[in-house]
PDB file of all heavy atoms in Angstrom:
ATOM      1  N   LEU A   1      99.237 189.461  50.031  1.00  0.00           N
ATOM      2  CA  LEU A   1      98.061 189.247  49.195  1.00  0.00           C
ATOM      3  C   LEU A   1      96.899 188.817  50.063  1.00  0.00           C
ATOM      4  O   LEU A   1      97.071 188.102  51.063  1.00  0.00           O
ATOM      5  CB  LEU A   1      98.328 188.203  48.118  1.00  0.00           C
ATOM      6  CG  LEU A   1      99.380 188.566  47.086  1.00  0.00           C
ATOM      7  CD1 LEU A   1      99.555 187.404  46.099  1.00  0.00           C
ATOM      8  CD2 LEU A   1      99.036 189.824  46.336  1.00  0.00           C
ATOM      9  N   ASP A   2      95.717 189.223  49.678  1.00  0.00           N
ATOM     10  CA  ASP A   2      94.527 188.792  50.407  1.00  0.00           C
ATOM     11  C   ASP A   2      94.162 187.380  49.980  1.00  0.00           C
ATOM     12  O   ASP A   2      94.332 186.993  48.829  1.00  0.00           O
ATOM     13  CB  ASP A   2      93.350 189.723  50.102  1.00  0.00           C
ATOM     14  CG  ASP A   2      93.542 191.092  50.736  1.00  0.00           C
ATOM     15  OD1 ASP A   2      94.223 191.164  51.774  1.00  0.00           O
ATOM     16  OD2 ASP A   2      93.013 192.083  50.187  1.00  0.00           O
ATOM     17  N   GLY A   3      93.683 186.634  50.927  1.00  0.00           N
ATOM     18  CA  GLY A   3      93.268 185.266  50.648  1.00  0.00           C
ATOM     19  C   GLY A   3      92.425 184.742  51.773  1.00  0.00           C
ATOM     20  O   GLY A   3      92.178 185.437  52.771  1.00  0.00           O
ATOM     21  N   PRO A   4      91.981 183.492  51.640  1.00  0.00           N
ATOM     22  CA  PRO A   4      91.149 182.918  52.693  1.00  0.00           C
ATOM     23  C   PRO A   4      91.964 182.688  53.961  1.00  0.00           C
ATOM     24  O   PRO A   4      93.137 182.348  53.908  1.00  0.00           O
ATOM     25  CB  PRO A   4      90.669 181.602  52.086  1.00  0.00           C
ATOM     26  CG  PRO A   4      91.675 181.269  51.043  1.00  0.00           C
ATOM     27  CD  PRO A   4      92.198 182.582  50.549  1.00  0.00           C
ATOM     28  N   GLY A   5      91.332 182.875  55.096  1.00  0.00           N
ATOM     29  CA  GLY A   5      92.001 182.649  56.376  1.00  0.00           C
ATOM     30  C   GLY A   5      92.772 183.859  56.840  1.00  0.00           C
ATOM     31  O   GLY A   5      92.956 184.837  56.112  1.00  0.00           O
ATOM     32  N   SER A   6      93.213 183.785  58.063  1.00  0.00           N
ATOM     33  CA  SER A   6      94.000 184.870  58.624  1.00  0.00           C
ATOM     34  C   SER A   6      95.432 184.803  58.086  1.00  0.00           C
ATOM     35  O   SER A   6      95.849 183.819  57.477  1.00  0.00           O
ATOM     36  CB  SER A   6      94.011 184.763  60.150  1.00  0.00           C
ATOM     37  OG  SER A   6      94.745 183.622  60.546  1.00  0.00           O
ATOM     38  N   THR A   7      96.184 185.853  58.360  1.00  0.00           N
ATOM     39  CA  THR A   7      97.597 185.883  57.902  1.00  0.00           C
ATOM     40  C   THR A   7      98.357 184.748  58.568  1.00  0.00           C
ATOM     41  O   THR A   7      99.203 184.108  57.919  1.00  0.00           O
ATOM     42  CB  THR A   7      98.224 187.242  58.243  1.00  0.00           C
ATOM     43  OG1 THR A   7      97.457 188.265  57.607  1.00  0.00           O
ATOM     44  CG2 THR A   7      99.640 187.310  57.751  1.00  0.00           C
ATOM     45  N   GLY A   8      98.087 184.489  59.827  1.00  0.00           N
ATOM     46  CA  GLY A   8      98.765 183.399  60.524  1.00  0.00           C
ATOM     47  C   GLY A   8      98.474 182.038  59.901  1.00  0.00           C
ATOM     48  O   GLY A   8      99.385 181.216  59.757  1.00  0.00           O
ATOM     49  N   GLU A   9      97.239 181.807  59.539  1.00  0.00           N
ATOM     50  CA  GLU A   9      96.885 180.541  58.879  1.00  0.00           C
ATOM     51  C   GLU A   9      97.583 180.412  57.533  1.00  0.00           C
ATOM     52  O   GLU A   9      98.076 179.336  57.187  1.00  0.00           O
ATOM     53  CB  GLU A   9      95.371 180.446  58.683  1.00  0.00           C
ATOM     54  CG  GLU A   9      94.590 180.243  59.930  1.00  0.00           C
ATOM     55  CD  GLU A   9      93.095 180.298  59.683  1.00  0.00           C
ATOM     56  OE1 GLU A   9      92.658 180.746  58.588  1.00  0.00           O
ATOM     57  OE2 GLU A   9      92.333 179.916  60.575  1.00  0.00           O
ATOM     58  N   ARG A  10      97.615 181.492  56.783  1.00  0.00           N
ATOM     59  CA  ARG A  10      98.277 181.453  55.471  1.00  0.00           C
ATOM     60  C   ARG A  10      99.775 181.215  55.626  1.00  0.00           C
ATOM     61  O   ARG A  10     100.382 180.482  54.847  1.00  0.00           O
ATOM     62  CB  ARG A  10      97.989 182.738  54.700  1.00  0.00           C
ATOM     63  CG  ARG A  10      96.523 182.842  54.298  1.00  0.00           C
ATOM     64  CD  ARG A  10      96.282 183.913  53.243  1.00  0.00           C
ATOM     65  NE  ARG A  10      96.885 185.195  53.516  1.00  0.00           N
ATOM     66  CZ  ARG A  10      96.293 186.212  54.141  1.00  0.00           C
ATOM     67  NH1 ARG A  10      95.044 186.068  54.554  1.00  0.00           N
ATOM     68  NH2 ARG A  10      96.897 187.352  54.336  1.00  0.00           N
ATOM     69  N   LEU A  11     100.382 181.801  56.652  1.00  0.00           N
ATOM     70  CA  LEU A  11     101.812 181.573  56.898  1.00  0.00           C
ATOM     71  C   LEU A  11     102.082 180.120  57.310  1.00  0.00           C
ATOM     72  O   LEU A  11     103.055 179.506  56.867  1.00  0.00           O
ATOM     73  CB  LEU A  11     102.333 182.517  57.983  1.00  0.00           C
ATOM     74  CG  LEU A  11     102.525 183.963  57.565  1.00  0.00           C
ATOM     75  CD1 LEU A  11     102.813 184.826  58.791  1.00  0.00           C
ATOM     76  CD2 LEU A  11     103.626 184.105  56.546  1.00  0.00           C
ATOM     77  N   LEU A  12     101.185 179.560  58.120  1.00  0.00           N
ATOM     78  CA  LEU A  12     101.337 178.172  58.540  1.00  0.00           C
ATOM     79  C   LEU A  12     101.240 177.242  57.337  1.00  0.00           C
ATOM     80  O   LEU A  12     102.065 176.344  57.171  1.00  0.00           O
ATOM     81  CB  LEU A  12     100.260 177.818  59.569  1.00  0.00           C
ATOM     82  CG  LEU A  12     100.238 176.355  60.024  1.00  0.00           C
ATOM     83  CD1 LEU A  12     101.512 176.016  60.773  1.00  0.00           C
ATOM     84  CD2 LEU A  12      99.018 176.098  60.889  1.00  0.00           C
ATOM     85  N   PHE A  13     100.254 177.459  56.497  1.00  0.00           N
ATOM     86  CA  PHE A  13     100.131 176.618  55.312  1.00  0.00           C
ATOM     87  C   PHE A  13     101.291 176.811  54.357  1.00  0.00           C
ATOM     88  O   PHE A  13     101.737 175.861  53.709  1.00  0.00           O
ATOM     89  CB  PHE A  13      98.777 176.839  54.621  1.00  0.00           C
ATOM     90  CG  PHE A  13      97.704 175.938  55.129  1.00  0.00           C
ATOM     91  CD1 PHE A  13      96.810 176.382  56.064  1.00  0.00           C
ATOM     92  CD2 PHE A  13      97.604 174.630  54.698  1.00  0.00           C
ATOM     93  CE1 PHE A  13      95.818 175.549  56.552  1.00  0.00           C
ATOM     94  CE2 PHE A  13      96.627 173.782  55.176  1.00  0.00           C
ATOM     95  CZ  PHE A  13      95.730 174.244  56.112  1.00  0.00           C
ATOM     96  N   ALA A  14     101.807 178.005  54.258  1.00  0.00           N
ATOM     97  CA  ALA A  14     102.990 178.247  53.417  1.00  0.00           C
ATOM     98  C   ALA A  14     104.161 177.388  53.881  1.00  0.00           C
ATOM     99  O   ALA A  14     104.845 176.746  53.085  1.00  0.00           O
ATOM    100  CB  ALA A  14     103.362 179.735  53.425  1.00  0.00           C
ATOM    101  N   ALA A  15     104.361 177.350  55.189  1.00  0.00           N
ATOM    102  CA  ALA A  15     105.457 176.530  55.733  1.00  0.00           C
ATOM    103  C   ALA A  15     105.185 175.037  55.567  1.00  0.00           C
ATOM    104  O   ALA A  15     106.079 174.277  55.204  1.00  0.00           O
ATOM    105  CB  ALA A  15     105.654 176.863  57.220  1.00  0.00           C
ATOM    106  N   LEU A  16     103.939 174.636  55.812  1.00  0.00           N
ATOM    107  CA  LEU A  16     103.602 173.213  55.712  1.00  0.00           C
ATOM    108  C   LEU A  16     103.651 172.703  54.279  1.00  0.00           C
ATOM    109  O   LEU A  16     103.933 171.523  54.045  1.00  0.00           O
ATOM    110  CB  LEU A  16     102.222 172.967  56.315  1.00  0.00           C
ATOM    111  CG  LEU A  16     102.110 173.126  57.837  1.00  0.00           C
ATOM    112  CD1 LEU A  16     100.666 172.963  58.277  1.00  0.00           C
ATOM    113  CD2 LEU A  16     103.013 172.161  58.556  1.00  0.00           C
ATOM    114  N   PHE A  17     103.354 173.547  53.318  1.00  0.00           N
ATOM    115  CA  PHE A  17     103.402 173.127  51.930  1.00  0.00           C
ATOM    116  C   PHE A  17     104.837 173.030  51.422  1.00  0.00           C
ATOM    117  O   PHE A  17     105.143 172.177  50.590  1.00  0.00           O
ATOM    118  CB  PHE A  17     102.639 174.115  51.022  1.00  0.00           C
ATOM    119  CG  PHE A  17     101.194 173.799  50.852  1.00  0.00           C
ATOM    120  CD1 PHE A  17     100.233 174.494  51.552  1.00  0.00           C
ATOM    121  CD2 PHE A  17     100.776 172.791  49.998  1.00  0.00           C
ATOM    122  CE1 PHE A  17      98.905 174.229  51.411  1.00  0.00           C
ATOM    123  CE2 PHE A  17      99.437 172.506  49.852  1.00  0.00           C
ATOM    124  CZ  PHE A  17      98.500 173.222  50.559  1.00  0.00           C
ATOM    125  N   THR A  18     105.712 173.902  51.869  1.00  0.00           N
ATOM    126  CA  THR A  18     107.055 173.938  51.294  1.00  0.00           C
ATOM    127  C   THR A  18     108.074 173.061  52.032  1.00  0.00           C
ATOM    128  O   THR A  18     108.959 172.500  51.425  1.00  0.00           O
ATOM    129  CB  THR A  18     107.602 175.378  51.241  1.00  0.00           C
ATOM    130  OG1 THR A  18     107.565 175.951  52.544  1.00  0.00           O
ATOM    131  CG2 THR A  18     106.799 176.213  50.282  1.00  0.00           C
ATOM    132  N   ALA A  19     107.936 172.914  53.345  1.00  0.00           N
ATOM    133  CA  ALA A  19     108.939 172.161  54.112  1.00  0.00           C
ATOM    134  C   ALA A  19     109.088 170.700  53.636  1.00  0.00           C
ATOM    135  O   ALA A  19     110.217 170.208  53.545  1.00  0.00           O
ATOM    136  CB  ALA A  19     108.595 172.205  55.595  1.00  0.00           C
ATOM    137  N   PRO A  20     108.017 169.970  53.332  1.00  0.00           N
ATOM    138  CA  PRO A  20     108.212 168.583  52.896  1.00  0.00           C
ATOM    139  C   PRO A  20     109.023 168.438  51.603  1.00  0.00           C
ATOM    140  O   PRO A  20     109.594 167.381  51.347  1.00  0.00           O
ATOM    141  CB  PRO A  20     106.775 168.072  52.669  1.00  0.00           C
ATOM    142  CG  PRO A  20     105.916 168.955  53.469  1.00  0.00           C
ATOM    143  CD  PRO A  20     106.593 170.278  53.485  1.00  0.00           C
ATOM    144  N   LEU A  21     109.117 169.518  50.816  1.00  0.00           N
ATOM    145  CA  LEU A  21     109.865 169.421  49.586  1.00  0.00           C
ATOM    146  C   LEU A  21     111.346 169.154  49.810  1.00  0.00           C
ATOM    147  O   LEU A  21     112.038 168.694  48.905  1.00  0.00           O
ATOM    148  CB  LEU A  21     109.675 170.714  48.771  1.00  0.00           C
ATOM    149  CG  LEU A  21     108.270 170.963  48.240  1.00  0.00           C
ATOM    150  CD1 LEU A  21     108.186 172.314  47.572  1.00  0.00           C
ATOM    151  CD2 LEU A  21     107.864 169.854  47.268  1.00  0.00           C
ATOM    152  N   LEU A  22     111.845 169.412  51.006  1.00  0.00           N
ATOM    153  CA  LEU A  22     113.236 169.091  51.307  1.00  0.00           C
ATOM    154  C   LEU A  22     113.520 167.589  51.194  1.00  0.00           C
ATOM    155  O   LEU A  22     114.620 167.188  50.875  1.00  0.00           O
ATOM    156  CB  LEU A  22     113.600 169.543  52.721  1.00  0.00           C
ATOM    157  CG  LEU A  22     114.014 170.984  52.904  1.00  0.00           C
ATOM    158  CD1 LEU A  22     114.195 171.294  54.392  1.00  0.00           C
ATOM    159  CD2 LEU A  22     115.277 171.286  52.141  1.00  0.00           C
ATOM    160  N   TRP A  23     112.537 166.774  51.462  1.00  0.00           N
ATOM    161  CA  TRP A  23     112.720 165.329  51.466  1.00  0.00           C
ATOM    162  C   TRP A  23     112.101 164.655  50.243  1.00  0.00           C
ATOM    163  O   TRP A  23     111.884 163.463  50.243  1.00  0.00           O
ATOM    164  CB  TRP A  23     112.135 164.758  52.756  1.00  0.00           C
ATOM    165  CG  TRP A  23     112.870 165.269  53.935  1.00  0.00           C
ATOM    166  CD1 TRP A  23     114.060 164.840  54.407  1.00  0.00           C
ATOM    167  CD2 TRP A  23     112.470 166.357  54.766  1.00  0.00           C
ATOM    168  NE1 TRP A  23     114.426 165.594  55.485  1.00  0.00           N
ATOM    169  CE2 TRP A  23     113.496 166.523  55.728  1.00  0.00           C
ATOM    170  CE3 TRP A  23     111.382 167.211  54.792  1.00  0.00           C
ATOM    171  CZ2 TRP A  23     113.423 167.512  56.703  1.00  0.00           C
ATOM    172  CZ3 TRP A  23     111.325 168.185  55.769  1.00  0.00           C
ATOM    173  CH2 TRP A  23     112.331 168.330  56.716  1.00  0.00           C
ATOM    174  N   ARG A  24     111.879 165.409  49.182  1.00  0.00           N
ATOM    175  CA  ARG A  24     111.234 164.856  47.993  1.00  0.00           C
ATOM    176  C   ARG A  24     112.077 163.800  47.291  1.00  0.00           C
ATOM    177  O   ARG A  24     111.561 162.908  46.661  1.00  0.00           O
ATOM    178  CB  ARG A  24     110.875 165.964  47.009  1.00  0.00           C
ATOM    179  CG  ARG A  24     112.073 166.641  46.400  1.00  0.00           C
ATOM    180  CD  ARG A  24     111.659 167.810  45.513  1.00  0.00           C
ATOM    181  NE  ARG A  24     112.819 168.567  45.124  1.00  0.00           N
ATOM    182  CZ  ARG A  24     113.599 168.260  44.093  1.00  0.00           C
ATOM    183  NH1 ARG A  24     113.338 167.193  43.386  1.00  0.00           N
ATOM    184  NH2 ARG A  24     114.650 168.998  43.805  1.00  0.00           N
ATOM    185  N   ARG A  25     113.377 163.861  47.400  1.00  0.00           N
ATOM    186  CA  ARG A  25     114.222 162.838  46.771  1.00  0.00           C
ATOM    187  C   ARG A  25     114.266 161.555  47.601  1.00  0.00           C
ATOM    188  O   ARG A  25     114.370 160.466  47.049  1.00  0.00           O
ATOM    189  CB  ARG A  25     115.645 163.345  46.596  1.00  0.00           C
ATOM    190  CG  ARG A  25     115.788 164.445  45.591  1.00  0.00           C
ATOM    191  CD  ARG A  25     117.242 164.836  45.455  1.00  0.00           C
ATOM    192  NE  ARG A  25     117.414 166.092  44.790  1.00  0.00           N
ATOM    193  CZ  ARG A  25     117.829 166.222  43.553  1.00  0.00           C
ATOM    194  NH1 ARG A  25     118.118 165.150  42.842  1.00  0.00           N
ATOM    195  NH2 ARG A  25     117.973 167.402  43.019  1.00  0.00           N
ATOM    196  N   ARG A  26     114.228 161.681  48.885  1.00  0.00           N
ATOM    197  CA  ARG A  26     114.344 160.523  49.767  1.00  0.00           C
ATOM    198  C   ARG A  26     113.019 159.761  49.881  1.00  0.00           C
ATOM    199  O   ARG A  26     113.001 158.544  49.833  1.00  0.00           O
ATOM    200  CB  ARG A  26     114.784 161.000  51.162  1.00  0.00           C
ATOM    201  CG  ARG A  26     115.065 159.934  52.120  1.00  0.00           C
ATOM    202  CD  ARG A  26     116.436 159.389  51.899  1.00  0.00           C
ATOM    203  NE  ARG A  26     116.742 158.412  52.926  1.00  0.00           N
ATOM    204  CZ  ARG A  26     117.635 157.474  52.776  1.00  0.00           C
ATOM    205  NH1 ARG A  26     118.318 157.416  51.678  1.00  0.00           N
ATOM    206  NH2 ARG A  26     117.858 156.626  53.723  1.00  0.00           N
ATOM    207  N   TRP A  27     111.933 160.491  50.067  1.00  0.00           N
ATOM    208  CA  TRP A  27     110.597 159.875  50.232  1.00  0.00           C
ATOM    209  C   TRP A  27     109.578 160.584  49.335  1.00  0.00           C
ATOM    210  O   TRP A  27     108.697 161.294  49.822  1.00  0.00           O
ATOM    211  CB  TRP A  27     110.151 159.964  51.691  1.00  0.00           C
ATOM    212  CG  TRP A  27     111.040 159.240  52.633  1.00  0.00           C
ATOM    213  CD1 TRP A  27     111.230 157.893  52.713  1.00  0.00           C
ATOM    214  CD2 TRP A  27     111.883 159.815  53.631  1.00  0.00           C
ATOM    215  NE1 TRP A  27     112.135 157.593  53.694  1.00  0.00           N
ATOM    216  CE2 TRP A  27     112.544 158.759  54.276  1.00  0.00           C
ATOM    217  CE3 TRP A  27     112.142 161.105  54.051  1.00  0.00           C
ATOM    218  CZ2 TRP A  27     113.441 158.957  55.308  1.00  0.00           C
ATOM    219  CZ3 TRP A  27     113.041 161.323  55.079  1.00  0.00           C
ATOM    220  CH2 TRP A  27     113.680 160.244  55.695  1.00  0.00           C
ATOM    221  N   PRO A  28     109.664 160.408  48.031  1.00  0.00           N
ATOM    222  CA  PRO A  28     108.785 161.167  47.125  1.00  0.00           C
ATOM    223  C   PRO A  28     107.294 160.887  47.316  1.00  0.00           C
ATOM    224  O   PRO A  28     106.476 161.798  47.256  1.00  0.00           O
ATOM    225  CB  PRO A  28     109.248 160.760  45.728  1.00  0.00           C
ATOM    226  CG  PRO A  28     110.001 159.496  45.909  1.00  0.00           C
ATOM    227  CD  PRO A  28     110.556 159.520  47.303  1.00  0.00           C
TER     228      PRO A  28
END
């Protein structure tokens, strides 16, 4: 999908937004 920023930036933010969810129970 088209969006703001380059594809690399969008991929980085995708990873940064989802990875912390692994620890949502321990450190919400």
